[in-house]
Amino acid sequence: MIELAQGGEEVIITSQGKVVARLTGVAAAGAAPKADYKEWLTELANLRESLATGHAAPTTDEILKDLRSDWD
């Protein structure tokens, strides 16, 4: 079965007539495409710009200062 999967075949394993597993081959190591880091950063910047609401959230320091002023 392993040789079949290595050769690109999909092996279906059944138990009492029901499919319980599927055995397939995997891509060779290092075959995954490398992401272009600069392109990814550009896409991320474009996404952030397209989703910007113009509303700036308070910083952590501002939130803590506000909470501490409530305790006084």
N, C-alpha and C. Protein backbone atom coordinates (compact mmCIF):
# COMPACT_ATOMS: atom_id res chain seq x y z
N MET A 1 0.82 -1.19 0.00
CA MET A 1 0.00 0.00 0.00
C MET A 1 0.86 1.25 0.00
N ILE A 2 1.96 1.21 0.74
CA ILE A 2 2.83 2.38 0.81
C ILE A 2 3.40 2.71 -0.56
N GLU A 3 3.81 1.67 -1.29
CA GLU A 3 4.37 1.90 -2.62
C GLU A 3 3.33 2.55 -3.54
N LEU A 4 2.07 2.14 -3.42
CA LEU A 4 1.02 2.74 -4.23
C LEU A 4 0.86 4.22 -3.92
N ALA A 5 0.85 4.55 -2.62
CA ALA A 5 0.71 5.94 -2.21
C ALA A 5 1.92 6.76 -2.67
N GLN A 6 3.12 6.20 -2.56
CA GLN A 6 4.32 6.90 -3.02
C GLN A 6 4.26 7.14 -4.52
N GLY A 7 3.62 6.25 -5.23
CA GLY A 7 3.49 6.38 -6.68
C GLY A 7 2.38 7.30 -7.12
N GLY A 8 1.71 7.95 -6.17
CA GLY A 8 0.67 8.91 -6.50
C GLY A 8 -0.74 8.38 -6.40
N GLU A 9 -0.89 7.11 -6.06
CA GLU A 9 -2.23 6.53 -5.92
C GLU A 9 -2.82 6.90 -4.56
N GLU A 10 -4.13 6.97 -4.51
CA GLU A 10 -4.83 7.16 -3.25
C GLU A 10 -5.36 5.81 -2.81
N VAL A 11 -5.01 5.38 -1.61
CA VAL A 11 -5.43 4.08 -1.10
C VAL A 11 -6.50 4.30 -0.04
N ILE A 12 -7.67 3.74 -0.25
CA ILE A 12 -8.77 3.84 0.70
C ILE A 12 -8.77 2.58 1.56
N ILE A 13 -8.79 2.77 2.88
CA ILE A 13 -8.81 1.65 3.82
C ILE A 13 -10.20 1.58 4.43
N THR A 14 -10.79 0.40 4.38
CA THR A 14 -12.13 0.22 4.92
C THR A 14 -12.15 -0.82 6.02
N SER A 15 -13.16 -0.73 6.86
CA SER A 15 -13.40 -1.71 7.90
C SER A 15 -14.89 -2.00 7.89
N GLN A 16 -15.24 -3.24 7.66
CA GLN A 16 -16.63 -3.67 7.59
C GLN A 16 -17.42 -2.84 6.57
N GLY A 17 -16.75 -2.54 5.45
CA GLY A 17 -17.40 -1.82 4.36
C GLY A 17 -17.47 -0.32 4.51
N LYS A 18 -16.90 0.22 5.60
CA LYS A 18 -16.94 1.67 5.81
C LYS A 18 -15.53 2.23 5.70
N VAL A 19 -15.40 3.37 5.05
CA VAL A 19 -14.10 4.02 4.90
C VAL A 19 -13.63 4.50 6.27
N VAL A 20 -12.42 4.12 6.65
CA VAL A 20 -11.87 4.54 7.95
C VAL A 20 -10.59 5.34 7.79
N ALA A 21 -9.95 5.25 6.62
CA ALA A 21 -8.71 5.99 6.42
C ALA A 21 -8.43 6.14 4.94
N ARG A 22 -7.62 7.13 4.62
CA ARG A 22 -7.20 7.38 3.25
C ARG A 22 -5.70 7.59 3.28
N LEU A 23 -4.99 6.85 2.49
CA LEU A 23 -3.53 6.91 2.45
C LEU A 23 -3.13 7.56 1.13
N THR A 24 -2.39 8.67 1.23
CA THR A 24 -1.92 9.36 0.03
C THR A 24 -0.45 9.69 0.19
N GLY A 25 0.20 9.97 -0.90
CA GLY A 25 1.59 10.39 -0.87
C GLY A 25 1.70 11.84 -0.44
N VAL A 26 2.91 12.26 -0.14
CA VAL A 26 3.16 13.66 0.22
C VAL A 26 4.16 14.24 -0.77
N ALA A 27 4.15 15.55 -0.88
CA ALA A 27 5.10 16.23 -1.77
C ALA A 27 6.51 16.07 -1.22
N ALA A 28 7.46 16.10 -2.09
CA ALA A 28 8.87 15.99 -1.69
C ALA A 28 9.23 17.14 -0.76
N ALA A 29 10.14 16.89 0.16
CA ALA A 29 10.58 17.92 1.10
C ALA A 29 11.13 19.11 0.33
N GLY A 30 10.79 20.29 0.80
CA GLY A 30 11.28 21.50 0.16
C GLY A 30 10.47 21.90 -1.06
N ALA A 31 9.40 21.20 -1.35
CA ALA A 31 8.61 21.50 -2.54
C ALA A 31 7.63 22.65 -2.30
N ALA A 32 7.43 23.04 -1.05
CA ALA A 32 6.50 24.11 -0.77
C ALA A 32 7.03 25.42 -1.33
N PRO A 33 6.16 26.20 -1.96
CA PRO A 33 6.62 27.47 -2.53
C PRO A 33 7.02 28.44 -1.43
N LYS A 34 8.07 29.19 -1.67
CA LYS A 34 8.51 30.20 -0.71
C LYS A 34 7.70 31.47 -0.90
N ALA A 35 7.29 32.05 0.19
CA ALA A 35 6.53 33.29 0.13
C ALA A 35 7.49 34.44 -0.12
N ASP A 36 7.05 35.37 -0.95
CA ASP A 36 7.83 36.58 -1.19
C ASP A 36 7.51 37.55 -0.06
N TYR A 37 8.47 37.73 0.84
CA TYR A 37 8.26 38.51 2.06
C TYR A 37 7.85 39.95 1.74
N LYS A 38 8.53 40.59 0.80
CA LYS A 38 8.20 41.97 0.48
C LYS A 38 6.82 42.09 -0.14
N GLU A 39 6.46 41.12 -0.99
CA GLU A 39 5.14 41.13 -1.59
C GLU A 39 4.08 40.93 -0.51
N TRP A 40 4.36 40.05 0.44
CA TRP A 40 3.42 39.79 1.53
C TRP A 40 3.21 41.06 2.36
N LEU A 41 4.31 41.78 2.67
CA LEU A 41 4.19 43.01 3.45
C LEU A 41 3.38 44.07 2.70
N THR A 42 3.58 44.15 1.39
CA THR A 42 2.81 45.10 0.58
C THR A 42 1.33 44.75 0.62
N GLU A 43 1.00 43.47 0.47
CA GLU A 43 -0.39 43.04 0.53
C GLU A 43 -1.00 43.33 1.90
N LEU A 44 -0.22 43.11 2.95
CA LEU A 44 -0.70 43.38 4.31
C LEU A 44 -0.96 44.87 4.50
N ALA A 45 -0.06 45.72 4.02
CA ALA A 45 -0.26 47.16 4.14
C ALA A 45 -1.50 47.60 3.37
N ASN A 46 -1.71 47.04 2.18
CA ASN A 46 -2.90 47.37 1.39
C ASN A 46 -4.17 46.92 2.10
N LEU A 47 -4.13 45.75 2.71
CA LEU A 47 -5.29 45.26 3.45
C LEU A 47 -5.60 46.16 4.63
N ARG A 48 -4.57 46.52 5.38
CA ARG A 48 -4.79 47.41 6.53
C ARG A 48 -5.38 48.74 6.09
N GLU A 49 -4.87 49.28 4.99
CA GLU A 49 -5.37 50.55 4.49
C GLU A 49 -6.83 50.43 4.05
N SER A 50 -7.17 49.32 3.41
CA SER A 50 -8.55 49.15 2.93
C SER A 50 -9.54 48.96 4.08
N LEU A 51 -9.06 48.46 5.21
CA LEU A 51 -9.94 48.21 6.35
C LEU A 51 -9.91 49.32 7.40
N ALA A 52 -9.08 50.33 7.18
CA ALA A 52 -8.92 51.40 8.17
C ALA A 52 -10.23 52.15 8.35
N THR A 53 -10.57 52.41 9.59
CA THR A 53 -11.81 53.13 9.92
C THR A 53 -11.53 54.59 10.25
N GLY A 54 -10.27 54.92 10.46
CA GLY A 54 -9.94 56.28 10.85
C GLY A 54 -10.02 56.48 12.35
N HIS A 55 -10.48 55.46 13.05
CA HIS A 55 -10.60 55.55 14.51
C HIS A 55 -9.38 54.89 15.14
N ALA A 56 -8.68 55.66 15.94
CA ALA A 56 -7.50 55.12 16.61
C ALA A 56 -7.90 54.59 17.98
N ALA A 57 -7.49 53.39 18.29
CA ALA A 57 -7.79 52.80 19.59
C ALA A 57 -6.85 53.38 20.64
N PRO A 58 -7.29 53.43 21.89
CA PRO A 58 -6.40 53.94 22.94
C PRO A 58 -5.23 52.99 23.16
N THR A 59 -4.13 53.58 23.59
CA THR A 59 -2.95 52.77 23.88
C THR A 59 -3.12 52.09 25.24
N THR A 60 -2.27 51.13 25.51
CA THR A 60 -2.30 50.44 26.80
C THR A 60 -2.09 51.43 27.93
N ASP A 61 -1.15 52.34 27.75
CA ASP A 61 -0.88 53.34 28.79
C ASP A 61 -2.10 54.21 29.06
N GLU A 62 -2.81 54.60 28.00
CA GLU A 62 -4.01 55.42 28.18
C GLU A 62 -5.11 54.66 28.92
N ILE A 63 -5.25 53.40 28.61
CA ILE A 63 -6.26 52.58 29.29
C ILE A 63 -5.93 52.44 30.77
N LEU A 64 -4.66 52.14 31.07
CA LEU A 64 -4.25 51.99 32.47
C LEU A 64 -4.40 53.29 33.23
N LYS A 65 -4.05 54.40 32.61
CA LYS A 65 -4.18 55.70 33.27
C LYS A 65 -5.65 55.98 33.59
N ASP A 66 -6.53 55.67 32.65
CA ASP A 66 -7.96 55.87 32.85
C ASP A 66 -8.48 54.98 33.98
N LEU A 67 -8.07 53.72 34.00
CA LEU A 67 -8.50 52.81 35.06
C LEU A 67 -8.01 53.26 36.42
N ARG A 68 -6.76 53.69 36.48
CA ARG A 68 -6.19 54.14 37.76
C ARG A 68 -6.86 55.41 38.26
N SER A 69 -7.29 56.27 37.35
CA SER A 69 -7.96 57.50 37.78
C SER A 69 -9.34 57.17 38.38
N ASP A 70 -9.94 56.06 37.94
CA ASP A 70 -11.22 55.64 38.50
C ASP A 70 -11.07 55.15 39.93
N TRP A 71 -9.87 54.67 40.30
CA TRP A 71 -9.65 54.14 41.65
C TRP A 71 -9.44 55.25 42.67
N ASP A 72 -9.10 56.44 42.21
CA ASP A 72 -8.81 57.55 43.13
C ASP A 72 -10.07 58.16 43.67
